[in-house]
Amino acid sequence: MTNAIVLIDVASGKVNEVAQAIADIPGVREVYSVAGDIDLVAVVSAADHDALTDVIPGGIAKVDGVTRTRTLMAFKTYSGKEMAAAYELGLD
């Protein structure tokens, strides 16, 4: 499984409709509206890097109202339980 975080800029006044359209794309796990320099953040999962092209440039970037995307590829996933276990082992 390959994961990515997509930072999304949206045309003025279209955040809600764009967020819903993105949330409906297969492979998009979650969409967050956020404060700051970007409008939305999407968490994406796909079988492999090639499948991400269907979700991100083939899906998210084509949604009406999306003006720009920036993708962060995830290398490793950390959960709260894994981090607590690492600290208990003295790996901090």
C-alpha atoms as a PDB file:
ATOM      1  CA  MET A   1       0.000   0.000   0.000  1.00  0.00           C
ATOM      2  CA  THR A   2       1.263   3.463  -0.929  1.00  0.00           C
ATOM      3  CA  ASN A   3       0.103   6.542   0.945  1.00  0.00           C
ATOM      4  CA  ALA A   4       0.295  10.217   0.049  1.00  0.00           C
ATOM      5  CA  ILE A   5      -0.794  13.500   1.535  1.00  0.00           C
ATOM      6  CA  VAL A   6      -2.083  15.981  -1.035  1.00  0.00           C
ATOM      7  CA  LEU A   7      -2.123  19.724  -0.340  1.00  0.00           C
ATOM      8  CA  ILE A   8      -4.856  21.356  -2.398  1.00  0.00           C
ATOM      9  CA  ASP A   9      -5.540  24.971  -3.357  1.00  0.00           C
ATOM     10  CA  VAL A  10      -9.141  25.746  -4.295  1.00  0.00           C
ATOM     11  CA  ALA A  11     -10.838  28.608  -6.125  1.00  0.00           C
ATOM     12  CA  SER A  12     -12.532  31.136  -3.868  1.00  0.00           C
ATOM     13  CA  GLY A  13     -15.920  30.064  -2.541  1.00  0.00           C
ATOM     14  CA  LYS A  14     -15.644  26.446  -3.706  1.00  0.00           C
ATOM     15  CA  VAL A  15     -14.055  24.692  -0.732  1.00  0.00           C
ATOM     16  CA  ASN A  16     -17.139  22.725   0.382  1.00  0.00           C
ATOM     17  CA  GLU A  17     -18.125  21.413  -3.052  1.00  0.00           C
ATOM     18  CA  VAL A  18     -14.514  20.614  -4.008  1.00  0.00           C
ATOM     19  CA  ALA A  19     -13.923  18.809  -0.704  1.00  0.00           C
ATOM     20  CA  GLN A  20     -16.994  16.622  -1.241  1.00  0.00           C
ATOM     21  CA  ALA A  21     -16.038  15.837  -4.848  1.00  0.00           C
ATOM     22  CA  ILE A  22     -12.539  14.836  -3.742  1.00  0.00           C
ATOM     23  CA  ALA A  23     -13.881  12.729  -0.861  1.00  0.00           C
ATOM     24  CA  ASP A  24     -15.921  10.744  -3.416  1.00  0.00           C
ATOM     25  CA  ILE A  25     -12.835   9.743  -5.449  1.00  0.00           C
ATOM     26  CA  PRO A  26     -11.836   6.089  -4.880  1.00  0.00           C
ATOM     27  CA  GLY A  27      -8.536   5.971  -3.008  1.00  0.00           C
ATOM     28  CA  VAL A  28      -9.139   9.177  -1.051  1.00  0.00           C
ATOM     29  CA  ARG A  29      -9.385   8.186   2.618  1.00  0.00           C
ATOM     30  CA  GLU A  30      -9.996  11.592   4.186  1.00  0.00           C
ATOM     31  CA  VAL A  31     -10.262  15.249   3.236  1.00  0.00           C
ATOM     32  CA  TYR A  32      -9.656  18.062   5.722  1.00  0.00           C
ATOM     33  CA  SER A  33     -10.348  21.762   5.370  1.00  0.00           C
ATOM     34  CA  VAL A  34      -7.477  23.590   7.027  1.00  0.00           C
ATOM     35  CA  ALA A  35      -6.321  27.075   7.938  1.00  0.00           C
ATOM     36  CA  GLY A  36      -3.175  28.543   6.437  1.00  0.00           C
ATOM     37  CA  ASP A  37      -1.688  28.773   2.968  1.00  0.00           C
ATOM     38  CA  ILE A  38      -3.648  25.814   1.604  1.00  0.00           C
ATOM     39  CA  ASP A  39      -7.362  25.063   1.572  1.00  0.00           C
ATOM     40  CA  LEU A  40      -7.661  21.270   1.747  1.00  0.00           C
ATOM     41  CA  VAL A  41      -5.543  18.282   2.693  1.00  0.00           C
ATOM     42  CA  ALA A  42      -6.382  14.840   1.328  1.00  0.00           C
ATOM     43  CA  VAL A  43      -5.019  11.537   2.602  1.00  0.00           C
ATOM     44  CA  VAL A  44      -4.738   9.068  -0.266  1.00  0.00           C
ATOM     45  CA  SER A  45      -4.033   5.325  -0.341  1.00  0.00           C
ATOM     46  CA  ALA A  46      -3.390   3.232  -3.432  1.00  0.00           C
ATOM     47  CA  ALA A  47      -2.018  -0.198  -4.257  1.00  0.00           C
ATOM     48  CA  ASP A  48       1.236   1.251  -5.638  1.00  0.00           C
ATOM     49  CA  HIS A  49       2.812   4.431  -6.998  1.00  0.00           C
ATOM     50  CA  ASP A  50       1.313   3.886 -10.453  1.00  0.00           C
ATOM     51  CA  ALA A  51      -2.184   3.703  -8.975  1.00  0.00           C
ATOM     52  CA  LEU A  52      -1.644   7.095  -7.344  1.00  0.00           C
ATOM     53  CA  THR A  53      -1.679   8.649 -10.821  1.00  0.00           C
ATOM     54  CA  ASP A  54      -5.325   7.637 -11.161  1.00  0.00           C
ATOM     55  CA  VAL A  55      -6.188   9.266  -7.842  1.00  0.00           C
ATOM     56  CA  ILE A  56      -4.097  12.441  -7.819  1.00  0.00           C
ATOM     57  CA  PRO A  57      -3.439  13.847 -11.314  1.00  0.00           C
ATOM     58  CA  GLY A  58      -6.215  11.729 -12.823  1.00  0.00           C
ATOM     59  CA  GLY A  59      -8.774  12.540 -10.130  1.00  0.00           C
ATOM     60  CA  ILE A  60      -8.079  15.242  -7.544  1.00  0.00           C
ATOM     61  CA  ALA A  61      -6.320  17.639  -9.927  1.00  0.00           C
ATOM     62  CA  LYS A  62      -9.204  17.399 -12.414  1.00  0.00           C
ATOM     63  CA  VAL A  63     -11.932  18.386  -9.946  1.00  0.00           C
ATOM     64  CA  ASP A  64     -13.516  21.680 -10.996  1.00  0.00           C
ATOM     65  CA  GLY A  65     -12.282  24.366  -8.611  1.00  0.00           C
ATOM     66  CA  VAL A  66      -8.901  22.787  -7.817  1.00  0.00           C
ATOM     67  CA  THR A  67      -6.227  25.313  -8.779  1.00  0.00           C
ATOM     68  CA  ARG A  68      -3.072  23.535  -7.550  1.00  0.00           C
ATOM     69  CA  THR A  69      -1.944  20.347  -5.841  1.00  0.00           C
ATOM     70  CA  ARG A  70       1.276  19.403  -4.077  1.00  0.00           C
ATOM     71  CA  THR A  71       1.867  15.796  -3.139  1.00  0.00           C
ATOM     72  CA  LEU A  72       3.865  14.476  -0.192  1.00  0.00           C
ATOM     73  CA  MET A  73       4.757  10.796  -0.557  1.00  0.00           C
ATOM     74  CA  ALA A  74       4.664   8.852   2.712  1.00  0.00           C
ATOM     75  CA  PHE A  75       7.620   6.565   3.397  1.00  0.00           C
ATOM     76  CA  LYS A  76       6.630   5.127   6.745  1.00  0.00           C
ATOM     77  CA  THR A  77       3.508   5.322   8.884  1.00  0.00           C
ATOM     78  CA  TYR A  78       3.802   5.857  12.616  1.00  0.00           C
ATOM     79  CA  SER A  79       0.921   5.252  14.978  1.00  0.00           C
ATOM     80  CA  GLY A  80       0.607   6.454  18.540  1.00  0.00           C
ATOM     81  CA  LYS A  81       1.092   2.897  19.824  1.00  0.00           C
ATOM     82  CA  GLU A  82       4.298   2.430  17.805  1.00  0.00           C
ATOM     83  CA  MET A  83       5.706   5.729  19.065  1.00  0.00           C
ATOM     84  CA  ALA A  84       4.894   4.886  22.696  1.00  0.00           C
ATOM     85  CA  ALA A  85       6.580   1.485  22.317  1.00  0.00           C
ATOM     86  CA  ALA A  86       9.686   3.108  20.793  1.00  0.00           C
ATOM     87  CA  TYR A  87       9.970   5.523  23.731  1.00  0.00           C
ATOM     88  CA  GLU A  88       9.565   2.643  26.194  1.00  0.00           C
ATOM     89  CA  LEU A  89      12.477   0.880  24.476  1.00  0.00           C
ATOM     90  CA  GLY A  90      14.613   4.018  24.700  1.00  0.00           C
ATOM     91  CA  LEU A  91      14.689   4.664  20.954  1.00  0.00           C
ATOM     92  CA  ASP A  92      14.020   8.399  21.279  1.00  0.00           C
END
